[in-house]
């Protein structure tokens, strides 16, 4: 049931983001709400993550159900951009990125 609610929030955030720049804050607020549902109401959100969410909402990019996973995926994309699409990524590096994204 929790996953269904998160998916619905993701769809809502995506539709809000596509509605225009006036709704960017509403999109970011939805991401914050989802993050706190997953991580707890007092869980801190890093400022760089908030900035990424704002950029994604401005671009109309859909929300990942898991903000930590979205952060790790972004780092993977950056790594692949710099090192090639087939460059291997060690498990310890993925673990570091996940810890840094929390």
C-alpha atoms as a PDB file:
ATOM      1  CA  UNK A   1       0.000   0.000   0.000  1.00  0.00           C
ATOM      2  CA  UNK A   2       2.889   2.344   0.829  1.00  0.00           C
ATOM      3  CA  UNK A   3       4.423   1.731  -2.625  1.00  0.00           C
ATOM      4  CA  UNK A   4       1.116   2.565  -4.314  1.00  0.00           C
ATOM      5  CA  UNK A   5       0.927   5.852  -2.424  1.00  0.00           C
ATOM      6  CA  UNK A   6       4.504   6.689  -3.422  1.00  0.00           C
ATOM      7  CA  UNK A   7       3.809   5.903  -7.076  1.00  0.00           C
ATOM      8  CA  UNK A   8       0.743   8.130  -6.961  1.00  0.00           C
ATOM      9  CA  UNK A   9       2.820  10.920  -5.434  1.00  0.00           C
ATOM     10  CA  UNK A  10       5.391  10.447  -8.184  1.00  0.00           C
ATOM     11  CA  UNK A  11       2.737  10.743 -10.851  1.00  0.00           C
ATOM     12  CA  UNK A  12       1.275  13.787  -9.148  1.00  0.00           C
ATOM     13  CA  UNK A  13       4.671  15.432  -8.884  1.00  0.00           C
ATOM     14  CA  UNK A  14       5.344  14.752 -12.553  1.00  0.00           C
ATOM     15  CA  UNK A  15       2.035  16.247 -13.632  1.00  0.00           C
ATOM     16  CA  UNK A  16       2.623  19.284 -11.408  1.00  0.00           C
ATOM     17  CA  UNK A  17       6.081  19.756 -12.869  1.00  0.00           C
ATOM     18  CA  UNK A  18       4.701  19.728 -16.395  1.00  0.00           C
ATOM     19  CA  UNK A  19       2.109  22.364 -15.453  1.00  0.00           C
ATOM     20  CA  UNK A  20       4.695  25.158 -15.566  1.00  0.00           C
ATOM     21  CA  UNK A  21       7.325  27.008 -13.558  1.00  0.00           C
ATOM     22  CA  UNK A  22       4.761  28.434 -11.153  1.00  0.00           C
ATOM     23  CA  UNK A  23       4.312  24.924  -9.789  1.00  0.00           C
ATOM     24  CA  UNK A  24       7.984  24.088  -9.261  1.00  0.00           C
ATOM     25  CA  UNK A  25       7.668  24.673  -5.521  1.00  0.00           C
ATOM     26  CA  UNK A  26       4.654  22.364  -5.334  1.00  0.00           C
ATOM     27  CA  UNK A  27       6.684  19.685  -7.118  1.00  0.00           C
ATOM     28  CA  UNK A  28       9.595  20.111  -4.680  1.00  0.00           C
ATOM     29  CA  UNK A  29       7.174  20.043  -1.736  1.00  0.00           C
ATOM     30  CA  UNK A  30       5.799  16.701  -2.976  1.00  0.00           C
ATOM     31  CA  UNK A  31       9.330  15.287  -3.095  1.00  0.00           C
ATOM     32  CA  UNK A  32      10.026  16.530   0.429  1.00  0.00           C
ATOM     33  CA  UNK A  33       6.810  14.961   1.681  1.00  0.00           C
ATOM     34  CA  UNK A  34       7.654  11.634   0.028  1.00  0.00           C
ATOM     35  CA  UNK A  35      11.187  11.716   1.448  1.00  0.00           C
ATOM     36  CA  UNK A  36       9.844  12.273   4.977  1.00  0.00           C
ATOM     37  CA  UNK A  37       7.321   9.456   4.541  1.00  0.00           C
ATOM     38  CA  UNK A  38      10.168   7.108   3.642  1.00  0.00           C
ATOM     39  CA  UNK A  39      12.882   8.334   6.006  1.00  0.00           C
ATOM     40  CA  UNK A  40      10.886   9.770   8.917  1.00  0.00           C
ATOM     41  CA  UNK A  41       9.474  13.223   9.637  1.00  0.00           C
ATOM     42  CA  UNK A  42      12.692  14.547  11.201  1.00  0.00           C
ATOM     43  CA  UNK A  43      15.103  13.173   8.590  1.00  0.00           C
ATOM     44  CA  UNK A  44      17.343  15.963   7.277  1.00  0.00           C
ATOM     45  CA  UNK A  45      17.490  16.673   3.552  1.00  0.00           C
ATOM     46  CA  UNK A  46      20.801  17.891   2.192  1.00  0.00           C
ATOM     47  CA  UNK A  47      20.736  21.247   0.404  1.00  0.00           C
ATOM     48  CA  UNK A  48      22.330  19.812  -2.751  1.00  0.00           C
ATOM     49  CA  UNK A  49      19.525  17.258  -2.971  1.00  0.00           C
ATOM     50  CA  UNK A  50      16.939  20.032  -2.653  1.00  0.00           C
ATOM     51  CA  UNK A  51      18.714  21.889  -5.447  1.00  0.00           C
ATOM     52  CA  UNK A  52      18.647  18.791  -7.647  1.00  0.00           C
ATOM     53  CA  UNK A  53      14.937  18.310  -6.977  1.00  0.00           C
ATOM     54  CA  UNK A  54      14.255  21.927  -7.919  1.00  0.00           C
ATOM     55  CA  UNK A  55      16.231  21.553 -11.172  1.00  0.00           C
ATOM     56  CA  UNK A  56      14.397  18.328 -11.995  1.00  0.00           C
ATOM     57  CA  UNK A  57      11.012  19.904 -11.262  1.00  0.00           C
ATOM     58  CA  UNK A  58      11.876  22.882 -13.444  1.00  0.00           C
ATOM     59  CA  UNK A  59      12.821  20.473 -16.240  1.00  0.00           C
ATOM     60  CA  UNK A  60       9.667  18.423 -15.742  1.00  0.00           C
ATOM     61  CA  UNK A  61      11.595  15.266 -14.849  1.00  0.00           C
ATOM     62  CA  UNK A  62       9.556  12.659 -12.980  1.00  0.00           C
ATOM     63  CA  UNK A  63      10.315  11.836  -9.377  1.00  0.00           C
ATOM     64  CA  UNK A  64      12.014   8.628  -8.324  1.00  0.00           C
ATOM     65  CA  UNK A  65      10.124   6.808  -5.584  1.00  0.00           C
ATOM     66  CA  UNK A  66      13.350   6.654  -3.591  1.00  0.00           C
ATOM     67  CA  UNK A  67      15.292   9.931  -3.364  1.00  0.00           C
ATOM     68  CA  UNK A  68      18.467   8.144  -2.247  1.00  0.00           C
ATOM     69  CA  UNK A  69      18.314   5.811  -5.242  1.00  0.00           C
ATOM     70  CA  UNK A  70      17.726   8.804  -7.536  1.00  0.00           C
ATOM     71  CA  UNK A  71      20.846  10.460  -6.103  1.00  0.00           C
ATOM     72  CA  UNK A  72      22.933   7.312  -6.639  1.00  0.00           C
ATOM     73  CA  UNK A  73      21.598   6.936 -10.180  1.00  0.00           C
ATOM     74  CA  UNK A  74      22.591  10.508 -10.945  1.00  0.00           C
ATOM     75  CA  UNK A  75      26.149   9.768  -9.771  1.00  0.00           C
ATOM     76  CA  UNK A  76      26.194   6.629 -11.906  1.00  0.00           C
ATOM     77  CA  UNK A  77      25.093   8.677 -14.918  1.00  0.00           C
ATOM     78  CA  UNK A  78      27.831  11.251 -14.263  1.00  0.00           C
ATOM     79  CA  UNK A  79      30.421   8.487 -13.879  1.00  0.00           C
ATOM     80  CA  UNK A  80      29.324   6.850 -17.133  1.00  0.00           C
ATOM     81  CA  UNK A  81      29.381  10.210 -18.914  1.00  0.00           C
ATOM     82  CA  UNK A  82      33.020  10.769 -17.906  1.00  0.00           C
ATOM     83  CA  UNK A  83      34.286   7.169 -18.138  1.00  0.00           C
ATOM     84  CA  UNK A  84      32.186   5.620 -20.891  1.00  0.00           C
ATOM     85  CA  UNK A  85      28.898   3.701 -20.865  1.00  0.00           C
ATOM     86  CA  UNK A  86      30.538   0.339 -20.169  1.00  0.00           C
ATOM     87  CA  UNK A  87      32.951   1.447 -17.444  1.00  0.00           C
ATOM     88  CA  UNK A  88      32.644  -0.847 -14.397  1.00  0.00           C
ATOM     89  CA  UNK A  89      31.739   0.640 -11.029  1.00  0.00           C
ATOM     90  CA  UNK A  90      33.043  -1.152  -7.947  1.00  0.00           C
ATOM     91  CA  UNK A  91      30.549  -2.122  -5.261  1.00  0.00           C
ATOM     92  CA  UNK A  92      32.446  -0.184  -2.581  1.00  0.00           C
ATOM     93  CA  UNK A  93      32.097   2.987  -4.685  1.00  0.00           C
ATOM     94  CA  UNK A  94      28.355   2.402  -5.031  1.00  0.00           C
ATOM     95  CA  UNK A  95      28.196   1.956  -1.255  1.00  0.00           C
ATOM     96  CA  UNK A  96      30.052   5.230  -0.719  1.00  0.00           C
ATOM     97  CA  UNK A  97      27.690   7.062  -3.057  1.00  0.00           C
ATOM     98  CA  UNK A  98      24.669   5.633  -1.279  1.00  0.00           C
ATOM     99  CA  UNK A  99      26.057   6.729   2.106  1.00  0.00           C
ATOM    100  CA  UNK A 100      26.792  10.212   0.748  1.00  0.00           C
ATOM    101  CA  UNK A 101      23.268  10.478  -0.689  1.00  0.00           C
ATOM    102  CA  UNK A 102      21.636   9.809   2.675  1.00  0.00           C
END
